[in-house]
Amino acid sequence: MALLRSLWDDATSCVHNEVDAMTVQAKSVGVREMRGKFSAYLARVAAGESFDIVLRGKKVAELRAPASEEEDWVPSADPASPNFRRPGALKGKMWISDDFNDPDPEIEAAMEADIFPPEH
């Protein structure tokens, strides 16, 4: 996290002029170019651009902003919310075996086995 913060600080404090001066309009970027100006490209991604990273002319990765700001799904108590959790919504759609919690004799035997040789 500290590394990302450091990269972001570099990108926002001293890279703005470099980003403005860049004349590269193409969305494809070579690995060597990306490695050399990573902070500048991060600043551009933060501004909404996305890039295809190519190695020897073949696309190997994409650099883009996350699809949404909310990475963690949080249930909502508001029925109008798309994250509203409806208790019982899966009733009748799932099945759990009656012996789900029963002990497995093979696993118990393996756990109780004497795996260490006796000391002499």
C-alpha atoms as a PDB file:
ATOM      1  CA  MET A   1       0.000   0.000   0.000  1.00  0.00           C
ATOM      2  CA  ALA A   2       2.869   2.346   0.794  1.00  0.00           C
ATOM      3  CA  LEU A   3       4.332   1.662  -2.635  1.00  0.00           C
ATOM      4  CA  LEU A   4       1.037   2.540  -4.314  1.00  0.00           C
ATOM      5  CA  ARG A   5       0.766   5.713  -2.224  1.00  0.00           C
ATOM      6  CA  SER A   6       4.312   6.634  -3.208  1.00  0.00           C
ATOM      7  CA  LEU A   7       3.571   6.005  -6.879  1.00  0.00           C
ATOM      8  CA  TRP A   8       0.394   8.052  -6.645  1.00  0.00           C
ATOM      9  CA  ASP A   9       2.217  10.927  -4.920  1.00  0.00           C
ATOM     10  CA  ASP A  10       4.879  10.848  -7.648  1.00  0.00           C
ATOM     11  CA  ALA A  11       2.213  10.766 -10.332  1.00  0.00           C
ATOM     12  CA  THR A  12       0.225  13.667  -8.937  1.00  0.00           C
ATOM     13  CA  SER A  13       3.079  15.925  -7.855  1.00  0.00           C
ATOM     14  CA  CYS A  14       5.589  15.842 -10.691  1.00  0.00           C
ATOM     15  CA  VAL A  15       4.064  13.941 -13.575  1.00  0.00           C
ATOM     16  CA  HIS A  16       1.315  16.296 -14.685  1.00  0.00           C
ATOM     17  CA  ASN A  17       3.701  18.226 -16.932  1.00  0.00           C
ATOM     18  CA  GLU A  18       5.111  14.997 -18.322  1.00  0.00           C
ATOM     19  CA  VAL A  19       1.612  13.662 -19.044  1.00  0.00           C
ATOM     20  CA  ASP A  20       0.678  16.883 -20.824  1.00  0.00           C
ATOM     21  CA  ALA A  21       3.908  16.776 -22.825  1.00  0.00           C
ATOM     22  CA  MET A  22       3.406  13.182 -23.952  1.00  0.00           C
ATOM     23  CA  THR A  23       2.402  13.032 -27.576  1.00  0.00           C
ATOM     24  CA  VAL A  24       1.614   9.315 -27.522  1.00  0.00           C
ATOM     25  CA  GLN A  25      -2.065   9.071 -28.433  1.00  0.00           C
ATOM     26  CA  ALA A  26      -2.066   5.320 -29.114  1.00  0.00           C
ATOM     27  CA  LYS A  27      -3.785   3.003 -26.673  1.00  0.00           C
ATOM     28  CA  SER A  28      -1.149   0.275 -27.148  1.00  0.00           C
ATOM     29  CA  VAL A  29       2.003   0.620 -25.062  1.00  0.00           C
ATOM     30  CA  GLY A  30       5.088  -1.566 -25.055  1.00  0.00           C
ATOM     31  CA  VAL A  31       6.278  -3.203 -21.846  1.00  0.00           C
ATOM     32  CA  ARG A  32       9.545  -1.256 -21.829  1.00  0.00           C
ATOM     33  CA  GLU A  33       7.728   2.066 -22.332  1.00  0.00           C
ATOM     34  CA  MET A  34       5.228   1.207 -19.587  1.00  0.00           C
ATOM     35  CA  ARG A  35       7.995   0.237 -17.185  1.00  0.00           C
ATOM     36  CA  GLY A  36       9.908   3.446 -17.837  1.00  0.00           C
ATOM     37  CA  LYS A  37       6.940   5.791 -17.346  1.00  0.00           C
ATOM     38  CA  PHE A  38       4.687   3.776 -15.054  1.00  0.00           C
ATOM     39  CA  SER A  39       3.773   6.707 -12.800  1.00  0.00           C
ATOM     40  CA  ALA A  40       2.785   8.816 -15.770  1.00  0.00           C
ATOM     41  CA  TYR A  41       0.594   6.045 -17.170  1.00  0.00           C
ATOM     42  CA  LEU A  42      -1.031   5.539 -13.758  1.00  0.00           C
ATOM     43  CA  ALA A  43      -1.911   9.225 -13.712  1.00  0.00           C
ATOM     44  CA  ARG A  44      -3.451   8.891 -17.172  1.00  0.00           C
ATOM     45  CA  VAL A  45      -5.434   5.826 -16.093  1.00  0.00           C
ATOM     46  CA  ALA A  46      -6.688   7.762 -13.071  1.00  0.00           C
ATOM     47  CA  ALA A  47      -7.846  10.423 -15.530  1.00  0.00           C
ATOM     48  CA  GLY A  48      -9.912   7.831 -17.406  1.00  0.00           C
ATOM     49  CA  GLU A  49      -7.638   6.420 -20.113  1.00  0.00           C
ATOM     50  CA  SER A  50      -6.941   2.726 -20.603  1.00  0.00           C
ATOM     51  CA  PHE A  51      -4.028   0.994 -22.309  1.00  0.00           C
ATOM     52  CA  ASP A  52      -3.220  -2.323 -23.934  1.00  0.00           C
ATOM     53  CA  ILE A  53       0.239  -3.497 -22.916  1.00  0.00           C
ATOM     54  CA  VAL A  54       2.025  -5.294 -25.735  1.00  0.00           C
ATOM     55  CA  LEU A  55       5.068  -7.532 -25.754  1.00  0.00           C
ATOM     56  CA  ARG A  56       6.689  -8.165 -29.143  1.00  0.00           C
ATOM     57  CA  GLY A  57       3.571  -6.874 -30.869  1.00  0.00           C
ATOM     58  CA  LYS A  58       1.170  -9.150 -28.952  1.00  0.00           C
ATOM     59  CA  LYS A  59      -1.291  -7.833 -26.380  1.00  0.00           C
ATOM     60  CA  VAL A  60      -0.453  -9.351 -22.989  1.00  0.00           C
ATOM     61  CA  ALA A  61      -2.355  -7.157 -20.512  1.00  0.00           C
ATOM     62  CA  GLU A  62      -4.725  -4.240 -20.034  1.00  0.00           C
ATOM     63  CA  LEU A  63      -4.225  -1.306 -17.700  1.00  0.00           C
ATOM     64  CA  ARG A  64      -7.467   0.420 -16.792  1.00  0.00           C
ATOM     65  CA  ALA A  65      -9.349   1.812 -13.834  1.00  0.00           C
ATOM     66  CA  PRO A  66     -11.523  -0.586 -11.820  1.00  0.00           C
ATOM     67  CA  ALA A  67     -15.028  -1.170 -13.155  1.00  0.00           C
ATOM     68  CA  SER A  68     -16.592   0.454 -10.108  1.00  0.00           C
ATOM     69  CA  GLU A  69     -15.582   2.368  -7.040  1.00  0.00           C
ATOM     70  CA  GLU A  70     -17.372  -0.090  -4.747  1.00  0.00           C
ATOM     71  CA  GLU A  71     -15.219  -3.193  -4.642  1.00  0.00           C
ATOM     72  CA  ASP A  72     -16.969  -4.700  -1.633  1.00  0.00           C
ATOM     73  CA  TRP A  73     -20.619  -5.655  -1.854  1.00  0.00           C
ATOM     74  CA  VAL A  74     -22.519  -4.418   1.177  1.00  0.00           C
ATOM     75  CA  PRO A  75     -26.067  -5.599   1.838  1.00  0.00           C
ATOM     76  CA  SER A  76     -28.652  -2.867   2.157  1.00  0.00           C
ATOM     77  CA  ALA A  77     -31.778  -2.557   4.282  1.00  0.00           C
ATOM     78  CA  ASP A  78     -33.392  -0.370   1.626  1.00  0.00           C
ATOM     79  CA  PRO A  79     -35.733  -2.464  -0.603  1.00  0.00           C
ATOM     80  CA  ALA A  80     -35.134  -0.042  -3.496  1.00  0.00           C
ATOM     81  CA  SER A  81     -31.379  -0.736  -3.440  1.00  0.00           C
ATOM     82  CA  PRO A  82     -29.918  -3.294  -5.862  1.00  0.00           C
ATOM     83  CA  ASN A  83     -27.979  -4.652  -2.859  1.00  0.00           C
ATOM     84  CA  PHE A  84     -31.133  -5.337  -0.859  1.00  0.00           C
ATOM     85  CA  ARG A  85     -30.885  -8.772   0.750  1.00  0.00           C
ATOM     86  CA  ARG A  86     -34.174 -10.648   0.693  1.00  0.00           C
ATOM     87  CA  PRO A  87     -34.209 -13.335   3.396  1.00  0.00           C
ATOM     88  CA  GLY A  88     -35.550 -16.583   2.022  1.00  0.00           C
ATOM     89  CA  ALA A  89     -34.967 -15.637  -1.622  1.00  0.00           C
ATOM     90  CA  LEU A  90     -33.158 -18.951  -2.224  1.00  0.00           C
ATOM     91  CA  LYS A  91     -35.619 -21.129  -0.326  1.00  0.00           C
ATOM     92  CA  GLY A  92     -36.296 -24.280  -2.327  1.00  0.00           C
ATOM     93  CA  LYS A  93     -33.444 -23.516  -4.748  1.00  0.00           C
ATOM     94  CA  MET A  94     -30.641 -25.044  -2.662  1.00  0.00           C
ATOM     95  CA  TRP A  95     -30.208 -28.493  -1.188  1.00  0.00           C
ATOM     96  CA  ILE A  96     -27.891 -29.656   1.572  1.00  0.00           C
ATOM     97  CA  SER A  97     -27.528 -33.349   2.299  1.00  0.00           C
ATOM     98  CA  ASP A  98     -28.963 -34.584   5.603  1.00  0.00           C
ATOM     99  CA  ASP A  99     -25.604 -36.145   6.497  1.00  0.00           C
ATOM    100  CA  PHE A 100     -23.620 -32.976   5.702  1.00  0.00           C
ATOM    101  CA  ASN A 101     -22.306 -32.604   9.261  1.00  0.00           C
ATOM    102  CA  ASP A 102     -21.840 -36.320   9.950  1.00  0.00           C
ATOM    103  CA  PRO A 103     -18.237 -37.338  10.610  1.00  0.00           C
ATOM    104  CA  ASP A 104     -16.326 -39.042   7.800  1.00  0.00           C
ATOM    105  CA  PRO A 105     -14.734 -42.288   9.042  1.00  0.00           C
ATOM    106  CA  GLU A 106     -11.804 -42.018   6.604  1.00  0.00           C
ATOM    107  CA  ILE A 107     -10.937 -38.514   7.766  1.00  0.00           C
ATOM    108  CA  GLU A 108     -11.275 -39.486  11.424  1.00  0.00           C
ATOM    109  CA  ALA A 109      -9.001 -42.504  10.896  1.00  0.00           C
ATOM    110  CA  ALA A 110      -6.412 -40.329   9.166  1.00  0.00           C
ATOM    111  CA  MET A 111      -6.521 -37.802  12.002  1.00  0.00           C
ATOM    112  CA  GLU A 112      -6.107 -40.479  14.646  1.00  0.00           C
ATOM    113  CA  ALA A 113      -3.366 -42.401  12.825  1.00  0.00           C
ATOM    114  CA  ASP A 114       0.038 -42.589  14.463  1.00  0.00           C
ATOM    115  CA  ILE A 115       2.185 -40.849  11.866  1.00  0.00           C
ATOM    116  CA  PHE A 116       5.327 -40.509  13.976  1.00  0.00           C
ATOM    117  CA  PRO A 117       7.509 -43.567  14.558  1.00  0.00           C
ATOM    118  CA  PRO A 118       7.889 -44.564  18.200  1.00  0.00           C
ATOM    119  CA  GLU A 119      11.011 -43.321  19.924  1.00  0.00           C
ATOM    120  CA  HIS A 120      13.430 -45.978  21.159  1.00  0.00           C
END
